[in-house]
């Protein structure tokens, strides 16, 4: 039960200060005191307002600290994610470069074989033409 109260500490303090300030306002409105009672009620009201303001400021400072910590954690996570992504991209790029190198080598072999085959067909065609038609008399 104590952790529940510690989670609600700000709200409980604010509620008590507001109740005290409200009671001071009611007391100030209800009578026309000119003595120490009038002064004491206004002092209690002023203290309640200052206390509420202090609580709000403290909550804002705590919120800023929490946001700064959250932002630092977020930046750390983003740096880790970026490092993993960069490593993955570099590995994929290396695989792609290996594939391109292999493709270039295979294409060179294919070009060589195609040239060899073309030369073979040219020679066979020339031989057939020479055998069937005879040697052409071209200038």
Protein backbone atom coordinates (compact mmCIF):
# COMPACT_ATOMS: atom_id res chain seq x y z
CA UNK A 1 0.00 0.00 0.00
CA UNK A 2 2.92 2.33 0.64
CA UNK A 3 4.17 2.18 -2.98
CA UNK A 4 0.71 3.25 -4.13
CA UNK A 5 0.87 6.29 -1.87
CA UNK A 6 4.38 7.13 -3.04
CA UNK A 7 3.15 7.06 -6.64
CA UNK A 8 0.35 9.46 -5.69
CA UNK A 9 2.47 11.70 -3.43
CA UNK A 10 2.30 14.72 -5.72
CA UNK A 11 -1.47 14.47 -6.10
CA UNK A 12 -1.98 14.05 -2.34
CA UNK A 13 0.21 17.10 -1.57
CA UNK A 14 -1.58 19.14 -4.19
CA UNK A 15 -4.97 18.09 -2.84
CA UNK A 16 -4.05 19.03 0.74
CA UNK A 17 -2.57 22.39 -0.30
CA UNK A 18 -5.62 23.14 -2.43
CA UNK A 19 -7.99 22.24 0.40
CA UNK A 20 -6.06 24.51 2.78
CA UNK A 21 -6.05 27.34 0.26
CA UNK A 22 -9.76 26.89 -0.44
CA UNK A 23 -10.56 26.99 3.25
CA UNK A 24 -8.48 30.16 3.61
CA UNK A 25 -10.40 31.76 0.72
CA UNK A 26 -13.74 30.79 2.30
CA UNK A 27 -12.66 32.18 5.66
CA UNK A 28 -11.48 35.39 4.00
CA UNK A 29 -14.77 35.81 2.14
CA UNK A 30 -17.05 34.89 5.06
CA UNK A 31 -15.98 37.59 7.46
CA UNK A 32 -14.76 41.13 7.51
CA UNK A 33 -11.88 40.76 9.90
CA UNK A 34 -9.49 43.57 10.40
CA UNK A 35 -7.23 42.01 12.99
CA UNK A 36 -4.75 39.20 13.13
CA UNK A 37 -7.36 36.74 11.86
CA UNK A 38 -7.57 38.52 8.53
CA UNK A 39 -3.81 38.63 8.21
CA UNK A 40 -3.34 34.99 9.23
CA UNK A 41 -5.89 33.74 6.67
CA UNK A 42 -4.19 35.71 3.90
CA UNK A 43 -0.80 34.34 4.97
CA UNK A 44 -2.17 30.79 4.93
CA UNK A 45 -3.61 31.43 1.47
CA UNK A 46 -0.31 32.84 0.26
CA UNK A 47 1.61 29.87 1.70
CA UNK A 48 -0.78 27.44 0.00
CA UNK A 49 -0.39 29.19 -3.36
CA UNK A 50 3.42 29.25 -3.02
CA UNK A 51 3.43 25.57 -2.04
CA UNK A 52 1.26 24.63 -5.04
CA UNK A 53 3.55 26.62 -7.33
CA UNK A 54 6.61 24.94 -5.84
CA UNK A 55 5.03 21.50 -6.40
CA UNK A 56 4.31 22.32 -10.02
CA UNK A 57 7.83 23.61 -10.58
CA UNK A 58 9.32 20.53 -8.94
CA UNK A 59 7.14 18.30 -11.10
CA UNK A 60 8.32 20.19 -14.19
CA UNK A 61 11.99 19.78 -13.19
CA UNK A 62 11.46 16.08 -12.52
CA UNK A 63 9.70 15.74 -15.87
CA UNK A 64 12.59 17.46 -17.67
CA UNK A 65 15.10 15.13 -15.98
CA UNK A 66 12.99 12.13 -16.95
CA UNK A 67 12.73 13.37 -20.54
CA UNK A 68 16.51 13.94 -20.69
CA UNK A 69 17.12 10.38 -19.46
CA UNK A 70 14.59 9.02 -21.94
CA UNK A 71 16.21 11.01 -24.75
CA UNK A 72 19.66 9.69 -23.78
CA UNK A 73 18.34 6.11 -23.81
CA UNK A 74 16.68 6.74 -27.16
CA UNK A 75 19.89 8.11 -28.66
CA UNK A 76 21.82 5.11 -27.34
CA UNK A 77 19.28 2.68 -28.82
CA UNK A 78 19.34 4.53 -32.14
CA UNK A 79 23.16 4.38 -32.22
CA UNK A 80 23.07 0.63 -31.54
CA UNK A 81 20.38 0.10 -34.18
CA UNK A 82 22.34 2.17 -36.68
CA UNK A 83 25.53 0.20 -35.99
CA UNK A 84 23.68 -3.10 -36.54
CA UNK A 85 22.08 -1.74 -39.71
CA UNK A 86 25.43 -0.50 -41.01
CA UNK A 87 27.05 -3.87 -40.33
CA UNK A 88 24.19 -5.65 -42.13
CA UNK A 89 24.41 -3.29 -45.11
CA UNK A 90 28.18 -3.76 -45.36
CA UNK A 91 27.75 -7.56 -45.32
CA UNK A 92 25.09 -7.36 -48.06
CA UNK A 93 27.26 -5.02 -50.10
CA UNK A 94 30.21 -7.42 -49.83
CA UNK A 95 27.99 -10.30 -51.00
CA UNK A 96 26.75 -8.18 -53.90
CA UNK A 97 30.33 -7.29 -54.90
CA UNK A 98 31.31 -10.97 -54.77
CA UNK A 99 28.34 -11.83 -56.98
CA UNK A 100 29.25 -9.08 -59.46
CA UNK A 101 32.89 -10.24 -59.58
CA UNK A 102 31.75 -13.81 -60.19
CA UNK A 103 29.32 -12.64 -62.85
CA UNK A 104 32.07 -10.66 -64.60
CA UNK A 105 34.40 -13.67 -64.59
CA UNK A 106 31.66 -15.97 -65.88
CA UNK A 107 30.74 -13.46 -68.59
CA UNK A 108 34.40 -13.30 -69.69
CA UNK A 109 34.44 -17.10 -69.98
CA UNK A 110 31.13 -17.03 -71.90
CA UNK A 111 32.42 -14.34 -74.26
CA UNK A 112 35.55 -16.42 -74.91
CA UNK A 113 33.49 -19.53 -75.62
CA UNK A 114 31.11 -17.59 -77.85
CA UNK A 115 34.05 -16.14 -79.85
CA UNK A 116 35.59 -19.60 -80.16
CA UNK A 117 32.27 -21.05 -81.33
CA UNK A 118 31.73 -18.20 -83.80
CA UNK A 119 35.22 -18.68 -85.23
CA UNK A 120 34.56 -22.41 -85.55
CA UNK A 121 31.27 -21.83 -87.41
CA UNK A 122 32.94 -19.29 -89.69
CA UNK A 123 35.67 -21.76 -90.60
CA UNK A 124 33.15 -24.57 -91.14
CA UNK A 125 31.00 -22.32 -93.31
CA UNK A 126 33.99 -21.20 -95.38
CA UNK A 127 35.12 -24.79 -95.87
CA UNK A 128 31.63 -25.86 -96.97
CA UNK A 129 31.37 -22.97 -99.40
CA UNK A 130 34.81 -23.73 -100.81
CA UNK A 131 33.98 -27.44 -101.15
CA UNK A 132 30.54 -26.94 -102.76
CA UNK A 133 30.88 -23.81 -104.78
CA UNK A 134 34.56 -23.53 -105.12
CA UNK A 135 36.88 -20.75 -104.19
CA UNK A 136 35.22 -17.45 -104.98
CA UNK A 137 37.08 -15.08 -107.29
CA UNK A 138 36.62 -11.95 -105.35
CA UNK A 139 38.92 -9.04 -105.80
